[in-house]
C-alpha atoms as a PDB file:
ATOM      1  CA  MET A   1     -13.371  -1.837  13.019  1.00  0.00           C
ATOM      2  CA  ASP A   2     -11.486   0.237  15.343  1.00  0.00           C
ATOM      3  CA  ILE A   3      -8.024   0.585  13.766  1.00  0.00           C
ATOM      4  CA  PRO A   4      -5.264   1.672  16.189  1.00  0.00           C
ATOM      5  CA  LEU A   5      -3.597   5.019  14.971  1.00  0.00           C
ATOM      6  CA  LYS A   6      -0.427   3.004  14.449  1.00  0.00           C
ATOM      7  CA  ASP A   7      -1.874   0.329  11.648  1.00  0.00           C
ATOM      8  CA  ARG A   8      -3.574   3.568   9.984  1.00  0.00           C
ATOM      9  CA  SER A   9      -0.201   5.091   9.884  1.00  0.00           C
ATOM     10  CA  ASN A  10       1.540   2.211   8.295  1.00  0.00           C
ATOM     11  CA  TYR A  11      -1.102   1.723   5.844  1.00  0.00           C
ATOM     12  CA  LEU A  12      -0.729   5.203   4.587  1.00  0.00           C
ATOM     13  CA  ARG A  13       3.058   4.968   4.827  1.00  0.00           C
ATOM     14  CA  GLY A  14       3.071   1.623   3.184  1.00  0.00           C
ATOM     15  CA  LEU A  15       1.164   3.166   0.273  1.00  0.00           C
ATOM     16  CA  LEU A  16       3.793   6.142   0.125  1.00  0.00           C
ATOM     17  CA  ILE A  17       6.906   3.804   0.001  1.00  0.00           C
ATOM     18  CA  LEU A  18       5.340   1.882  -2.893  1.00  0.00           C
ATOM     19  CA  ALA A  19       4.954   5.066  -5.087  1.00  0.00           C
ATOM     20  CA  LYS A  20       8.362   6.357  -3.578  1.00  0.00           C
ATOM     21  CA  LYS A  21       9.975   2.894  -4.879  1.00  0.00           C
ATOM     22  CA  LYS A  22       8.656   3.874  -8.563  1.00  0.00           C
ATOM     23  CA  GLY A  23      10.547   7.063  -8.282  1.00  0.00           C
ATOM     24  CA  TYR A  24       7.628   8.896  -9.213  1.00  0.00           C
ATOM     25  CA  VAL A  25       3.787   9.655  -8.094  1.00  0.00           C
ATOM     26  CA  SER A  26       1.502   8.906 -10.697  1.00  0.00           C
ATOM     27  CA  GLN A  27      -2.111  10.450 -11.002  1.00  0.00           C
ATOM     28  CA  SER A  28      -3.572   7.194 -10.058  1.00  0.00           C
ATOM     29  CA  ASP A  29      -1.009   7.215  -6.947  1.00  0.00           C
ATOM     30  CA  GLU A  30      -2.287  10.408  -5.745  1.00  0.00           C
ATOM     31  CA  THR A  31      -5.921   9.564  -6.212  1.00  0.00           C
ATOM     32  CA  ILE A  32      -5.550   6.447  -4.230  1.00  0.00           C
ATOM     33  CA  ILE A  33      -3.360   7.651  -1.451  1.00  0.00           C
ATOM     34  CA  SER A  34      -5.387  11.117  -1.153  1.00  0.00           C
ATOM     35  CA  HIS A  35      -8.725   8.910  -0.684  1.00  0.00           C
ATOM     36  CA  VAL A  36      -7.284   6.362   1.480  1.00  0.00           C
ATOM     37  CA  SER A  37      -5.494   9.219   3.882  1.00  0.00           C
ATOM     38  CA  GLY A  38      -8.926  10.681   4.173  1.00  0.00           C
ATOM     39  CA  LYS A  39     -10.556   7.265   4.935  1.00  0.00           C
ATOM     40  CA  LEU A  40      -8.152   6.674   7.606  1.00  0.00           C
ATOM     41  CA  GLY A  41      -8.610  10.264   9.103  1.00  0.00           C
ATOM     42  CA  PHE A  42      -5.824  12.101   7.814  1.00  0.00           C
ATOM     43  CA  SER A  43      -6.198  15.376   6.683  1.00  0.00           C
ATOM     44  CA  SER A  44      -6.208  16.352   2.760  1.00  0.00           C
ATOM     45  CA  ARG A  45      -3.561  19.121   3.584  1.00  0.00           C
ATOM     46  CA  PHE A  46      -1.281  16.599   5.376  1.00  0.00           C
ATOM     47  CA  CYS A  47      -1.551  14.226   2.473  1.00  0.00           C
ATOM     48  CA  GLU A  48      -0.962  17.117  -0.264  1.00  0.00           C
ATOM     49  CA  GLU A  49       2.244  18.048   1.492  1.00  0.00           C
ATOM     50  CA  THR A  50       3.585  14.626   1.930  1.00  0.00           C
ATOM     51  CA  LEU A  51       2.816  13.772  -1.786  1.00  0.00           C
ATOM     52  CA  SER A  52       4.380  16.857  -2.928  1.00  0.00           C
ATOM     53  CA  THR A  53       7.522  16.489  -0.804  1.00  0.00           C
ATOM     54  CA  LEU A  54       7.340  12.292  -1.245  1.00  0.00           C
ATOM     55  CA  LEU A  55      10.549  11.875  -3.235  1.00  0.00           C
ATOM     56  CA  GLU A  56      12.841  14.033  -1.123  1.00  0.00           C
ATOM     57  CA  ASN A  57      11.624  12.914   2.246  1.00  0.00           C
ATOM     58  CA  ASP A  58      13.934  10.819   4.030  1.00  0.00           C
ATOM     59  CA  PHE A  59      11.347  10.150   7.065  1.00  0.00           C
ATOM     60  CA  ILE A  60       9.681   7.476   4.442  1.00  0.00           C
ATOM     61  CA  ASN A  61      12.212   4.903   4.334  1.00  0.00           C
ATOM     62  CA  GLY A  62      12.168   1.769   2.632  1.00  0.00           C
ATOM     63  CA  GLU A  63      11.436  -0.402   5.820  1.00  0.00           C
ATOM     64  CA  PRO A  64       8.728  -2.906   5.788  1.00  0.00           C
ATOM     65  CA  VAL A  65       5.606  -1.956   7.331  1.00  0.00           C
ATOM     66  CA  ARG A  66       4.634  -3.822  10.565  1.00  0.00           C
ATOM     67  CA  PHE A  67       0.945  -3.776  11.805  1.00  0.00           C
ATOM     68  CA  VAL A  68      -0.611  -4.411  15.117  1.00  0.00           C
ATOM     69  CA  ASN A  69      -3.602  -6.148  13.944  1.00  0.00           C
ATOM     70  CA  LYS A  70      -3.359  -9.338  11.479  1.00  0.00           C
ATOM     71  CA  VAL A  71      -6.241  -8.440   9.447  1.00  0.00           C
ATOM     72  CA  PHE A  72      -5.311  -5.069   8.765  1.00  0.00           C
ATOM     73  CA  ALA A  73      -1.935  -6.442   7.862  1.00  0.00           C
ATOM     74  CA  LYS A  74      -3.571  -8.723   5.029  1.00  0.00           C
ATOM     75  CA  SER A  75      -5.711  -6.136   3.824  1.00  0.00           C
ATOM     76  CA  PHE A  76      -2.659  -3.781   3.344  1.00  0.00           C
ATOM     77  CA  ILE A  77      -0.518  -6.800   1.570  1.00  0.00           C
ATOM     78  CA  SER A  78      -3.764  -7.571  -0.629  1.00  0.00           C
ATOM     79  CA  ASP A  79      -4.078  -3.718  -1.552  1.00  0.00           C
ATOM     80  CA  ALA A  80      -0.286  -3.307  -1.970  1.00  0.00           C
ATOM     81  CA  LEU A  81      -0.478  -6.221  -4.569  1.00  0.00           C
ATOM     82  CA  LYS A  82      -3.367  -4.952  -6.549  1.00  0.00           C
ATOM     83  CA  LEU A  83      -1.705  -1.394  -6.863  1.00  0.00           C
ATOM     84  CA  ALA A  84       1.584  -2.975  -7.940  1.00  0.00           C
ATOM     85  CA  CYS A  85      -0.106  -5.203 -10.295  1.00  0.00           C
ATOM     86  CA  THR A  86      -2.185  -2.693 -12.002  1.00  0.00           C
ATOM     87  CA  ARG A  87       0.534  -1.051 -13.989  1.00  0.00           C
ATOM     88  CA  THR A  88       2.135  -2.686 -17.451  1.00  0.00           C
ATOM     89  CA  SER A  89       4.549  -4.646 -15.307  1.00  0.00           C
ATOM     90  CA  ILE A  90       5.302  -5.335 -11.944  1.00  0.00           C
ATOM     91  CA  ASN A  91       8.336  -3.960 -10.449  1.00  0.00           C
ATOM     92  CA  PRO A  92      10.547  -6.434  -8.861  1.00  0.00           C
ATOM     93  CA  GLU A  93      11.629  -3.945  -5.925  1.00  0.00           C
ATOM     94  CA  GLU A  94       7.924  -3.256  -5.274  1.00  0.00           C
ATOM     95  CA  LEU A  95       7.148  -6.674  -5.310  1.00  0.00           C
ATOM     96  CA  ASN A  96      10.067  -7.600  -2.656  1.00  0.00           C
ATOM     97  CA  TRP A  97       9.216  -5.100  -0.369  1.00  0.00           C
ATOM     98  CA  ILE A  98       5.688  -6.077  -0.273  1.00  0.00           C
ATOM     99  CA  LYS A  99       6.905  -9.816   0.088  1.00  0.00           C
ATOM    100  CA  ARG A 100       9.223  -8.468   3.114  1.00  0.00           C
ATOM    101  CA  SER A 101       6.250  -6.828   4.669  1.00  0.00           C
ATOM    102  CA  ALA A 102       4.213  -9.768   4.475  1.00  0.00           C
ATOM    103  CA  GLU A 103       6.986 -11.603   6.257  1.00  0.00           C
ATOM    104  CA  THR A 104       7.632  -9.031   8.675  1.00  0.00           C
ATOM    105  CA  ASN A 105       3.681  -9.522   9.726  1.00  0.00           C
ATOM    106  CA  HIS A 106       4.220 -13.224   9.924  1.00  0.00           C
ATOM    107  CA  LEU A 107       1.786 -13.782   7.222  1.00  0.00           C
ATOM    108  CA  ASN A 108       1.851 -17.284   5.615  1.00  0.00           C
ATOM    109  CA  HIS A 109       3.850 -17.802   2.373  1.00  0.00           C
ATOM    110  CA  LYS A 110       0.946 -19.893   0.687  1.00  0.00           C
ATOM    111  CA  TRP A 111      -1.423 -17.215   1.422  1.00  0.00           C
ATOM    112  CA  PHE A 112       0.918 -14.560  -0.084  1.00  0.00           C
ATOM    113  CA  ALA A 113       1.357 -16.555  -3.144  1.00  0.00           C
ATOM    114  CA  ASN A 114      -2.172 -17.001  -3.766  1.00  0.00           C
ATOM    115  CA  GLU A 115      -2.999 -13.377  -3.279  1.00  0.00           C
ATOM    116  CA  LEU A 116      -0.203 -12.573  -5.704  1.00  0.00           C
ATOM    117  CA  ALA A 117      -1.681 -15.220  -8.035  1.00  0.00           C
ATOM    118  CA  ARG A 118      -4.815 -13.397  -7.809  1.00  0.00           C
ATOM    119  CA  CYS A 119      -3.729 -10.019  -8.377  1.00  0.00           C
ATOM    120  CA  ARG A 120      -1.372 -10.653 -11.360  1.00  0.00           C
ATOM    121  CA  CYS A 121      -4.597 -10.771 -13.366  1.00  0.00           C
ATOM    122  CA  LEU A 122      -5.009  -7.053 -12.744  1.00  0.00           C
ATOM    123  CA  VAL A 123      -1.764  -6.588 -14.903  1.00  0.00           C
ATOM    124  CA  HIS A 124      -2.630  -3.698 -17.784  1.00  0.00           C
ATOM    125  CA  LYS A 125      -6.245  -3.117 -16.002  1.00  0.00           C
ATOM    126  CA  PRO A 126      -7.389  -0.009 -14.491  1.00  0.00           C
ATOM    127  CA  THR A 127      -6.449   0.874 -11.105  1.00  0.00           C
ATOM    128  CA  PRO A 128      -8.783  -0.806  -8.512  1.00  0.00           C
ATOM    129  CA  THR A 129     -11.655   1.045  -7.240  1.00  0.00           C
ATOM    130  CA  GLN A 130     -12.363  -1.263  -4.363  1.00  0.00           C
ATOM    131  CA  LEU A 131      -9.475  -1.851  -2.073  1.00  0.00           C
ATOM    132  CA  THR A 132      -9.620  -4.707   0.540  1.00  0.00           C
ATOM    133  CA  LEU A 133      -9.167  -1.899   3.222  1.00  0.00           C
ATOM    134  CA  TYR A 134     -12.938  -0.273   2.394  1.00  0.00           C
ATOM    135  CA  SER A 135     -14.342  -3.636   3.509  1.00  0.00           C
ATOM    136  CA  ILE A 136     -12.841  -3.370   6.668  1.00  0.00           C
ATOM    137  CA  ILE A 137     -13.018   0.227   7.767  1.00  0.00           C
END
């Protein structure tokens, strides 16, 4: 699938926002963001610099991400929920942000609820190794 640069950038920005909302960048976050960044065509140096300054970076704000391609929007929301649900508890601020991003992309509320229910089973489990993104790029 040919993914527009705007969508690739927003996907990465969305992952960074999720990490920033926690107030720290875990080793798991670094691994996933670095791997995804490379898959989306961003340099490892860019990713390392962004991660090292993430918490102080005012350019990565909390605005919901908006995608051009609806398939990519669904992929991001699905992956964001997976990542948010793999920790010991789901951060309400992260969940609200993901929901606002789904609404911004005009994704069906029922689809979102089903996706959230599916991802809740990941709580207390290791970080997913297979993100939805990998199936469309």
